[in-house]
Amino acid sequence: VKSKLLKVLRQMDDDGDEQISKTEFVSMLEHVDACSALQEVGVDPVGLVDFADFIFEDEVDGDSDKQLTFPDFIELVMQFRGTNTATVRDIVDL
């Protein structure tokens, strides 16, 4: 599934820098293969759209120009699986 998602990420990577921007992320979620790959790992693509601002917000200055490397992006997306349980650290981070 990760390879399927990587393939879609590479297709959506407009600038070829192997990083995903918020614009590329939104574009990826309009791609049928990307949505099915996300659903296969238990991530709701529709719900993920709601977190786009949060995912791509730069923690230092609050800008939304943050980009993620493909491995970092996949790791982050896997945290949005519906089967994940909340930990004490998750609650503290809120």
PDB file of N, CA and C in Angstrom:
ATOM      1  N   VAL A   1       0.831  -1.193   0.000  1.00  0.00           N
ATOM      2  CA  VAL A   1       0.000   0.000   0.000  1.00  0.00           C
ATOM      3  C   VAL A   1       0.876   1.258   0.000  1.00  0.00           C
ATOM      4  N   LYS A   2       1.970   1.225   0.771  1.00  0.00           N
ATOM      5  CA  LYS A   2       2.859   2.388   0.797  1.00  0.00           C
ATOM      6  C   LYS A   2       3.446   2.651  -0.584  1.00  0.00           C
ATOM      7  N   SER A   3       3.762   1.587  -1.307  1.00  0.00           N
ATOM      8  CA  SER A   3       4.328   1.771  -2.648  1.00  0.00           C
ATOM      9  C   SER A   3       3.291   2.382  -3.593  1.00  0.00           C
ATOM     10  N   LYS A   4       2.042   1.996  -3.417  1.00  0.00           N
ATOM     11  CA  LYS A   4       0.962   2.565  -4.228  1.00  0.00           C
ATOM     12  C   LYS A   4       0.812   4.058  -3.927  1.00  0.00           C
ATOM     13  N   LEU A   5       0.895   4.398  -2.652  1.00  0.00           N
ATOM     14  CA  LEU A   5       0.785   5.789  -2.255  1.00  0.00           C
ATOM     15  C   LEU A   5       1.997   6.593  -2.724  1.00  0.00           C
ATOM     16  N   LEU A   6       3.179   5.985  -2.651  1.00  0.00           N
ATOM     17  CA  LEU A   6       4.387   6.648  -3.149  1.00  0.00           C
ATOM     18  C   LEU A   6       4.293   6.924  -4.637  1.00  0.00           C
ATOM     19  N   LYS A   7       3.741   5.966  -5.380  1.00  0.00           N
ATOM     20  CA  LYS A   7       3.590   6.131  -6.827  1.00  0.00           C
ATOM     21  C   LYS A   7       2.697   7.335  -7.131  1.00  0.00           C
ATOM     22  N   VAL A   8       1.589   7.447  -6.403  1.00  0.00           N
ATOM     23  CA  VAL A   8       0.678   8.572  -6.601  1.00  0.00           C
ATOM     24  C   VAL A   8       1.348   9.878  -6.189  1.00  0.00           C
ATOM     25  N   LEU A   9       2.101   9.846  -5.078  1.00  0.00           N
ATOM     26  CA  LEU A   9       2.806  11.048  -4.630  1.00  0.00           C
ATOM     27  C   LEU A   9       3.776  11.535  -5.694  1.00  0.00           C
ATOM     28  N   ARG A  10       4.489  10.605  -6.295  1.00  0.00           N
ATOM     29  CA  ARG A  10       5.454  10.992  -7.334  1.00  0.00           C
ATOM     30  C   ARG A  10       4.749  11.582  -8.554  1.00  0.00           C
ATOM     31  N   GLN A  11       3.573  11.066  -8.879  1.00  0.00           N
ATOM     32  CA  GLN A  11       2.812  11.608 -10.005  1.00  0.00           C
ATOM     33  C   GLN A  11       2.309  13.022  -9.698  1.00  0.00           C
ATOM     34  N   MET A  12       1.959  13.265  -8.441  1.00  0.00           N
ATOM     35  CA  MET A  12       1.416  14.554  -8.035  1.00  0.00           C
ATOM     36  C   MET A  12       2.508  15.572  -7.689  1.00  0.00           C
ATOM     37  N   ASP A  13       3.745  15.138  -7.649  1.00  0.00           N
ATOM     38  CA  ASP A  13       4.860  16.012  -7.259  1.00  0.00           C
ATOM     39  C   ASP A  13       5.176  16.966  -8.408  1.00  0.00           C
ATOM     40  N   ASP A  14       4.499  18.103  -8.425  1.00  0.00           N
ATOM     41  CA  ASP A  14       4.595  19.059  -9.527  1.00  0.00           C
ATOM     42  C   ASP A  14       6.017  19.561  -9.777  1.00  0.00           C
ATOM     43  N   ASP A  15       6.768  19.778  -8.699  1.00  0.00           N
ATOM     44  CA  ASP A  15       8.098  20.346  -8.862  1.00  0.00           C
ATOM     45  C   ASP A  15       9.224  19.320  -8.793  1.00  0.00           C
ATOM     46  N   GLY A  16       8.884  18.043  -8.587  1.00  0.00           N
ATOM     47  CA  GLY A  16       9.881  16.966  -8.609  1.00  0.00           C
ATOM     48  C   GLY A  16      10.877  16.994  -7.472  1.00  0.00           C
ATOM     49  N   ASP A  17      10.520  17.610  -6.348  1.00  0.00           N
ATOM     50  CA  ASP A  17      11.471  17.725  -5.239  1.00  0.00           C
ATOM     51  C   ASP A  17      11.331  16.616  -4.191  1.00  0.00           C
ATOM     52  N   GLU A  18      10.466  15.630  -4.459  1.00  0.00           N
ATOM     53  CA  GLU A  18      10.243  14.500  -3.540  1.00  0.00           C
ATOM     54  C   GLU A  18       9.715  14.982  -2.189  1.00  0.00           C
ATOM     55  N   GLN A  19       9.021  16.112  -2.198  1.00  0.00           N
ATOM     56  CA  GLN A  19       8.352  16.623  -1.016  1.00  0.00           C
ATOM     57  C   GLN A  19       6.932  16.980  -1.407  1.00  0.00           C
ATOM     58  N   ILE A  20       6.049  16.927  -0.420  1.00  0.00           N
ATOM     59  CA  ILE A  20       4.659  17.237  -0.722  1.00  0.00           C
ATOM     60  C   ILE A  20       4.263  18.541  -0.029  1.00  0.00           C
ATOM     61  N   SER A  21       3.677  19.408  -0.806  1.00  0.00           N
ATOM     62  CA  SER A  21       3.179  20.684  -0.289  1.00  0.00           C
ATOM     63  C   SER A  21       1.676  20.539  -0.044  1.00  0.00           C
ATOM     64  N   LYS A  22       1.102  21.549   0.557  1.00  0.00           N
ATOM     65  CA  LYS A  22      -0.338  21.515   0.810  1.00  0.00           C
ATOM     66  C   LYS A  22      -1.112  21.453  -0.508  1.00  0.00           C
ATOM     67  N   THR A  23      -0.666  22.196  -1.504  1.00  0.00           N
ATOM     68  CA  THR A  23      -1.327  22.198  -2.814  1.00  0.00           C
ATOM     69  C   THR A  23      -1.277  20.805  -3.439  1.00  0.00           C
ATOM     70  N   GLU A  24      -0.097  20.171  -3.384  1.00  0.00           N
ATOM     71  CA  GLU A  24       0.054  18.828  -3.938  1.00  0.00           C
ATOM     72  C   GLU A  24      -0.777  17.820  -3.141  1.00  0.00           C
ATOM     73  N   PHE A  25      -0.884  18.032  -1.839  1.00  0.00           N
ATOM     74  CA  PHE A  25      -1.677  17.164  -0.975  1.00  0.00           C
ATOM     75  C   PHE A  25      -3.148  17.202  -1.369  1.00  0.00           C
ATOM     76  N   VAL A  26      -3.678  18.408  -1.530  1.00  0.00           N
ATOM     77  CA  VAL A  26      -5.082  18.558  -1.918  1.00  0.00           C
ATOM     78  C   VAL A  26      -5.316  17.931  -3.294  1.00  0.00           C
ATOM     79  N   SER A  27      -4.380  18.133  -4.202  1.00  0.00           N
ATOM     80  CA  SER A  27      -4.473  17.546  -5.537  1.00  0.00           C
ATOM     81  C   SER A  27      -4.454  16.019  -5.456  1.00  0.00           C
ATOM     82  N   MET A  28      -3.601  15.484  -4.575  1.00  0.00           N
ATOM     83  CA  MET A  28      -3.487  14.030  -4.414  1.00  0.00           C
ATOM     84  C   MET A  28      -4.815  13.430  -3.931  1.00  0.00           C
ATOM     85  N   LEU A  29      -5.509  14.141  -3.031  1.00  0.00           N
ATOM     86  CA  LEU A  29      -6.760  13.618  -2.489  1.00  0.00           C
ATOM     87  C   LEU A  29      -7.893  13.623  -3.510  1.00  0.00           C
ATOM     88  N   GLU A  30      -7.676  14.263  -4.644  1.00  0.00           N
ATOM     89  CA  GLU A  30      -8.648  14.216  -5.736  1.00  0.00           C
ATOM     90  C   GLU A  30      -8.365  13.051  -6.675  1.00  0.00           C
ATOM     91  N   HIS A  31      -7.288  12.325  -6.413  1.00  0.00           N
ATOM     92  CA  HIS A  31      -6.858  11.201  -7.239  1.00  0.00           C
ATOM     93  C   HIS A  31      -7.465   9.906  -6.679  1.00  0.00           C
ATOM     94  N   VAL A  32      -8.183   9.166  -7.502  1.00  0.00           N
ATOM     95  CA  VAL A  32      -8.893   7.963  -7.073  1.00  0.00           C
ATOM     96  C   VAL A  32      -7.943   6.926  -6.474  1.00  0.00           C
ATOM     97  N   ASP A  33      -6.787   6.700  -7.106  1.00  0.00           N
ATOM     98  CA  ASP A  33      -5.837   5.708  -6.591  1.00  0.00           C
ATOM     99  C   ASP A  33      -5.314   6.089  -5.212  1.00  0.00           C
ATOM    100  N   ALA A  34      -5.080   7.358  -4.991  1.00  0.00           N
ATOM    101  CA  ALA A  34      -4.589   7.817  -3.692  1.00  0.00           C
ATOM    102  C   ALA A  34      -5.642   7.586  -2.615  1.00  0.00           C
ATOM    103  N   CYS A  35      -6.878   7.918  -2.927  1.00  0.00           N
ATOM    104  CA  CYS A  35      -7.956   7.728  -1.954  1.00  0.00           C
ATOM    105  C   CYS A  35      -8.159   6.254  -1.632  1.00  0.00           C
ATOM    106  N   SER A  36      -8.078   5.403  -2.638  1.00  0.00           N
ATOM    107  CA  SER A  36      -8.251   3.967  -2.364  1.00  0.00           C
ATOM    108  C   SER A  36      -7.076   3.417  -1.566  1.00  0.00           C
ATOM    109  N   ALA A  37      -5.855   3.910  -1.820  1.00  0.00           N
ATOM    110  CA  ALA A  37      -4.692   3.469  -1.049  1.00  0.00           C
ATOM    111  C   ALA A  37      -4.837   3.895   0.411  1.00  0.00           C
ATOM    112  N   LEU A  38      -5.318   5.104   0.637  1.00  0.00           N
ATOM    113  CA  LEU A  38      -5.527   5.583   2.000  1.00  0.00           C
ATOM    114  C   LEU A  38      -6.593   4.755   2.711  1.00  0.00           C
ATOM    115  N   GLN A  39      -7.661   4.450   2.004  1.00  0.00           N
ATOM    116  CA  GLN A  39      -8.727   3.645   2.601  1.00  0.00           C
ATOM    117  C   GLN A  39      -8.246   2.235   2.938  1.00  0.00           C
ATOM    118  N   GLU A  40      -7.350   1.687   2.120  1.00  0.00           N
ATOM    119  CA  GLU A  40      -6.811   0.353   2.371  1.00  0.00           C
ATOM    120  C   GLU A  40      -6.049   0.275   3.689  1.00  0.00           C
ATOM    121  N   VAL A  41      -5.414   1.381   4.092  1.00  0.00           N
ATOM    122  CA  VAL A  41      -4.674   1.380   5.353  1.00  0.00           C
ATOM    123  C   VAL A  41      -5.514   1.929   6.506  1.00  0.00           C
ATOM    124  N   GLY A  42      -6.794   2.205   6.258  1.00  0.00           N
ATOM    125  CA  GLY A  42      -7.686   2.637   7.322  1.00  0.00           C
ATOM    126  C   GLY A  42      -7.727   4.126   7.569  1.00  0.00           C
ATOM    127  N   VAL A  43      -7.305   4.922   6.573  1.00  0.00           N
ATOM    128  CA  VAL A  43      -7.336   6.380   6.702  1.00  0.00           C
ATOM    129  C   VAL A  43      -8.497   6.907   5.862  1.00  0.00           C
ATOM    130  N   ASP A  44      -9.324   7.746   6.474  1.00  0.00           N
ATOM    131  CA  ASP A  44     -10.454   8.347   5.778  1.00  0.00           C
ATOM    132  C   ASP A  44      -9.980   9.577   5.007  1.00  0.00           C
ATOM    133  N   PRO A  45      -9.948   9.503   3.664  1.00  0.00           N
ATOM    134  CA  PRO A  45      -9.466  10.638   2.872  1.00  0.00           C
ATOM    135  C   PRO A  45     -10.285  11.911   3.081  1.00  0.00           C
ATOM    136  N   VAL A  46     -11.580  11.765   3.263  1.00  0.00           N
ATOM    137  CA  VAL A  46     -12.438  12.941   3.460  1.00  0.00           C
ATOM    138  C   VAL A  46     -12.088  13.615   4.784  1.00  0.00           C
ATOM    139  N   GLY A  47     -11.889  12.823   5.822  1.00  0.00           N
ATOM    140  CA  GLY A  47     -11.507  13.372   7.116  1.00  0.00           C
ATOM    141  C   GLY A  47     -10.122  13.992   7.089  1.00  0.00           C
ATOM    142  N   LEU A  48      -9.244  13.434   6.248  1.00  0.00           N
ATOM    143  CA  LEU A  48      -7.876  13.923   6.148  1.00  0.00           C
ATOM    144  C   LEU A  48      -7.827  15.344   5.584  1.00  0.00           C
ATOM    145  N   VAL A  49      -8.767  15.667   4.709  1.00  0.00           N
ATOM    146  CA  VAL A  49      -8.836  17.006   4.122  1.00  0.00           C
ATOM    147  C   VAL A  49      -9.003  18.049   5.230  1.00  0.00           C
ATOM    148  N   ASP A  50      -9.769  17.703   6.252  1.00  0.00           N
ATOM    149  CA  ASP A  50     -10.009  18.636   7.355  1.00  0.00           C
ATOM    150  C   ASP A  50      -8.735  18.971   8.120  1.00  0.00           C
ATOM    151  N   PHE A  51      -7.738  18.093   8.055  1.00  0.00           N
ATOM    152  CA  PHE A  51      -6.496  18.297   8.788  1.00  0.00           C
ATOM    153  C   PHE A  51      -5.384  18.913   7.944  1.00  0.00           C
ATOM    154  N   ALA A  52      -5.675  19.287   6.710  1.00  0.00           N
ATOM    155  CA  ALA A  52      -4.637  19.821   5.807  1.00  0.00           C
ATOM    156  C   ALA A  52      -3.940  21.040   6.402  1.00  0.00           C
ATOM    157  N   ASP A  53      -4.708  21.959   6.964  1.00  0.00           N
ATOM    158  CA  ASP A  53      -4.091  23.154   7.559  1.00  0.00           C
ATOM    159  C   ASP A  53      -3.185  22.777   8.721  1.00  0.00           C
ATOM    160  N   PHE A  54      -3.627  21.833   9.531  1.00  0.00           N
ATOM    161  CA  PHE A  54      -2.838  21.380  10.683  1.00  0.00           C
ATOM    162  C   PHE A  54      -1.560  20.676  10.233  1.00  0.00           C
ATOM    163  N   ILE A  55      -1.666  19.805   9.244  1.00  0.00           N
ATOM    164  CA  ILE A  55      -0.523  19.020   8.766  1.00  0.00           C
ATOM    165  C   ILE A  55       0.553  19.928   8.197  1.00  0.00           C
ATOM    166  N   PHE A  56       0.162  20.947   7.457  1.00  0.00           N
ATOM    167  CA  PHE A  56       1.131  21.775   6.743  1.00  0.00           C
ATOM    168  C   PHE A  56       1.417  23.114   7.415  1.00  0.00           C
ATOM    169  N   GLU A  57       0.997  23.272   8.659  1.00  0.00           N
ATOM    170  CA  GLU A  57       1.310  24.509   9.381  1.00  0.00           C
ATOM    171  C   GLU A  57       2.735  24.429   9.918  1.00  0.00           C
ATOM    172  N   ASP A  58       3.499  25.442   9.635  1.00  0.00           N
ATOM    173  CA  ASP A  58       4.872  25.522  10.130  1.00  0.00           C
ATOM    174  C   ASP A  58       4.828  25.870  11.610  1.00  0.00           C
ATOM    175  N   GLU A  59       5.422  25.010  12.437  1.00  0.00           N
ATOM    176  CA  GLU A  59       5.358  25.196  13.887  1.00  0.00           C
ATOM    177  C   GLU A  59       6.110  26.435  14.346  1.00  0.00           C
ATOM    178  N   VAL A  60       7.080  26.886  13.570  1.00  0.00           N
ATOM    179  CA  VAL A  60       7.905  28.014  13.991  1.00  0.00           C
ATOM    180  C   VAL A  60       7.186  29.348  13.790  1.00  0.00           C
ATOM    181  N   ASP A  61       6.720  29.600  12.577  1.00  0.00           N
ATOM    182  CA  ASP A  61       6.131  30.910  12.298  1.00  0.00           C
ATOM    183  C   ASP A  61       4.645  30.872  11.936  1.00  0.00           C
ATOM    184  N   GLY A  62       4.039  29.703  11.954  1.00  0.00           N
ATOM    185  CA  GLY A  62       2.610  29.600  11.694  1.00  0.00           C
ATOM    186  C   GLY A  62       2.214  29.672  10.241  1.00  0.00           C
ATOM    187  N   ASP A  63       3.189  29.775   9.326  1.00  0.00           N
ATOM    188  CA  ASP A  63       2.871  29.787   7.897  1.00  0.00           C
ATOM    189  C   ASP A  63       2.356  28.419   7.466  1.00  0.00           C
ATOM    190  N   SER A  64       1.658  28.389   6.355  1.00  0.00           N
ATOM    191  CA  SER A  64       1.164  27.119   5.826  1.00  0.00           C
ATOM    192  C   SER A  64       1.962  26.704   4.594  1.00  0.00           C
ATOM    193  N   ASP A  65       3.241  27.100   4.545  1.00  0.00           N
ATOM    194  CA  ASP A  65       4.102  26.765   3.409  1.00  0.00           C
ATOM    195  C   ASP A  65       4.958  25.531   3.669  1.00  0.00           C
ATOM    196  N   LYS A  66       4.728  24.857   4.761  1.00  0.00           N
ATOM    197  CA  LYS A  66       5.528  23.703   5.144  1.00  0.00           C
ATOM    198  C   LYS A  66       5.410  22.603   4.091  1.00  0.00           C
ATOM    199  N   GLN A  67       6.532  21.922   3.843  1.00  0.00           N
ATOM    200  CA  GLN A  67       6.531  20.765   2.952  1.00  0.00           C
ATOM    201  C   GLN A  67       7.064  19.576   3.731  1.00  0.00           C
ATOM    202  N   LEU A  68       6.592  18.395   3.374  1.00  0.00           N
ATOM    203  CA  LEU A  68       7.024  17.169   4.027  1.00  0.00           C
ATOM    204  C   LEU A  68       7.684  16.250   3.012  1.00  0.00           C
ATOM    205  N   THR A  69       8.733  15.557   3.448  1.00  0.00           N
ATOM    206  CA  THR A  69       9.307  14.532   2.576  1.00  0.00           C
ATOM    207  C   THR A  69       8.286  13.407   2.471  1.00  0.00           C
ATOM    208  N   PHE A  70       8.393  12.607   1.425  1.00  0.00           N
ATOM    209  CA  PHE A  70       7.435  11.523   1.241  1.00  0.00           C
ATOM    210  C   PHE A  70       7.408  10.563   2.438  1.00  0.00           C
ATOM    211  N   PRO A  71       8.573  10.106   2.950  1.00  0.00           N
ATOM    212  CA  PRO A  71       8.537   9.199   4.118  1.00  0.00           C
ATOM    213  C   PRO A  71       7.883   9.851   5.344  1.00  0.00           C
ATOM    214  N   ASP A  72       8.185  11.124   5.589  1.00  0.00           N
ATOM    215  CA  ASP A  72       7.573  11.828   6.719  1.00  0.00           C
ATOM    216  C   ASP A  72       6.065  11.954   6.532  1.00  0.00           C
ATOM    217  N   PHE A  73       5.657  12.232   5.306  1.00  0.00           N
ATOM    218  CA  PHE A  73       4.236  12.372   5.015  1.00  0.00           C
ATOM    219  C   PHE A  73       3.506  11.050   5.247  1.00  0.00           C
ATOM    220  N   ILE A  74       4.069   9.964   4.749  1.00  0.00           N
ATOM    221  CA  ILE A  74       3.423   8.661   4.918  1.00  0.00           C
ATOM    222  C   ILE A  74       3.341   8.296   6.400  1.00  0.00           C
ATOM    223  N   GLU A  75       4.412   8.559   7.145  1.00  0.00           N
ATOM    224  CA  GLU A  75       4.398   8.278   8.577  1.00  0.00           C
ATOM    225  C   GLU A  75       3.307   9.091   9.283  1.00  0.00           C
ATOM    226  N   LEU A  76       3.186  10.350   8.915  1.00  0.00           N
ATOM    227  CA  LEU A  76       2.177  11.213   9.510  1.00  0.00           C
ATOM    228  C   LEU A  76       0.765  10.737   9.161  1.00  0.00           C
ATOM    229  N   VAL A  77       0.554  10.393   7.908  1.00  0.00           N
ATOM    230  CA  VAL A  77      -0.764   9.939   7.465  1.00  0.00           C
ATOM    231  C   VAL A  77      -1.172   8.655   8.190  1.00  0.00           C
ATOM    232  N   MET A  78      -0.206   7.783   8.442  1.00  0.00           N
ATOM    233  CA  MET A  78      -0.512   6.531   9.142  1.00  0.00           C
ATOM    234  C   MET A  78      -1.010   6.789  10.565  1.00  0.00           C
ATOM    235  N   GLN A  79      -0.672   7.931  11.119  1.00  0.00           N
ATOM    236  CA  GLN A  79      -1.150   8.280  12.451  1.00  0.00           C
ATOM    237  C   GLN A  79      -2.642   8.632  12.445  1.00  0.00           C
ATOM    238  N   PHE A  80      -3.203   8.857  11.258  1.00  0.00           N
ATOM    239  CA  PHE A  80      -4.613   9.203  11.135  1.00  0.00           C
ATOM    240  C   PHE A  80      -5.505   7.984  10.886  1.00  0.00           C
ATOM    241  N   ARG A  81      -4.926   6.797  11.012  1.00  0.00           N
ATOM    242  CA  ARG A  81      -5.742   5.590  10.827  1.00  0.00           C
ATOM    243  C   ARG A  81      -6.800   5.503  11.921  1.00  0.00           C
ATOM    244  N   GLY A  82      -7.969   5.061  11.543  1.00  0.00           N
ATOM    245  CA  GLY A  82      -9.077   4.930  12.482  1.00  0.00           C
ATOM    246  C   GLY A  82      -8.839   3.876  13.544  1.00  0.00           C
ATOM    247  N   THR A  83      -7.931   2.948  13.294  1.00  0.00           N
ATOM    248  CA  THR A  83      -7.680   1.878  14.256  1.00  0.00           C
ATOM    249  C   THR A  83      -6.701   2.287  15.345  1.00  0.00           C
ATOM    250  N   ASN A  84      -6.053   3.445  15.198  1.00  0.00           N
ATOM    251  CA  ASN A  84      -5.111   3.912  16.215  1.00  0.00           C
ATOM    252  C   ASN A  84      -5.859   4.326  17.472  1.00  0.00           C
ATOM    253  N   THR A  85      -5.268   4.008  18.630  1.00  0.00           N
ATOM    254  CA  THR A  85      -5.862   4.429  19.889  1.00  0.00           C
ATOM    255  C   THR A  85      -5.085   5.623  20.427  1.00  0.00           C
ATOM    256  N   ALA A  86      -5.769   6.456  21.152  1.00  0.00           N
ATOM    257  CA  ALA A  86      -5.124   7.630  21.735  1.00  0.00           C
ATOM    258  C   ALA A  86      -4.234   7.205  22.903  1.00  0.00           C
ATOM    259  N   THR A  87      -3.078   7.834  23.008  1.00  0.00           N
ATOM    260  CA  THR A  87      -2.164   7.577  24.118  1.00  0.00           C
ATOM    261  C   THR A  87      -2.176   8.785  25.054  1.00  0.00           C
ATOM    262  N   VAL A  88      -1.576   8.618  26.218  1.00  0.00           N
ATOM    263  CA  VAL A  88      -1.483   9.727  27.152  1.00  0.00           C
ATOM    264  C   VAL A  88      -0.727  10.889  26.505  1.00  0.00           C
ATOM    265  N   ARG A  89       0.323  10.571  25.733  1.00  0.00           N
ATOM    266  CA  ARG A  89       1.088  11.625  25.060  1.00  0.00           C
ATOM    267  C   ARG A  89       0.200  12.409  24.077  1.00  0.00           C
ATOM    268  N   ASP A  90      -0.675  11.698  23.360  1.00  0.00           N
ATOM    269  CA  ASP A  90      -1.585  12.388  22.434  1.00  0.00           C
ATOM    270  C   ASP A  90      -2.441  13.403  23.176  1.00  0.00           C
ATOM    271  N   ILE A  91      -2.940  13.021  24.319  1.00  0.00           N
ATOM    272  CA  ILE A  91      -3.812  13.902  25.102  1.00  0.00           C
ATOM    273  C   ILE A  91      -3.012  15.092  25.631  1.00  0.00           C
ATOM    274  N   VAL A  92      -1.800  14.842  26.105  1.00  0.00           N
ATOM    275  CA  VAL A  92      -0.950  15.912  26.620  1.00  0.00           C
ATOM    276  C   VAL A  92      -0.601  16.890  25.501  1.00  0.00           C
ATOM    277  N   ASP A  93      -0.358  16.376  24.288  1.00  0.00           N
ATOM    278  CA  ASP A  93       0.001  17.234  23.153  1.00  0.00           C
ATOM    279  C   ASP A  93      -1.144  18.144  22.718  1.00  0.00           C
ATOM    280  N   LEU A  94      -2.367  17.799  23.114  1.00  0.00           N
ATOM    281  CA  LEU A  94      -3.507  18.644  22.749  1.00  0.00           C
ATOM    282  C   LEU A  94      -3.359  19.973  23.436  1.00  0.00           C
TER     283      LEU A  94
END
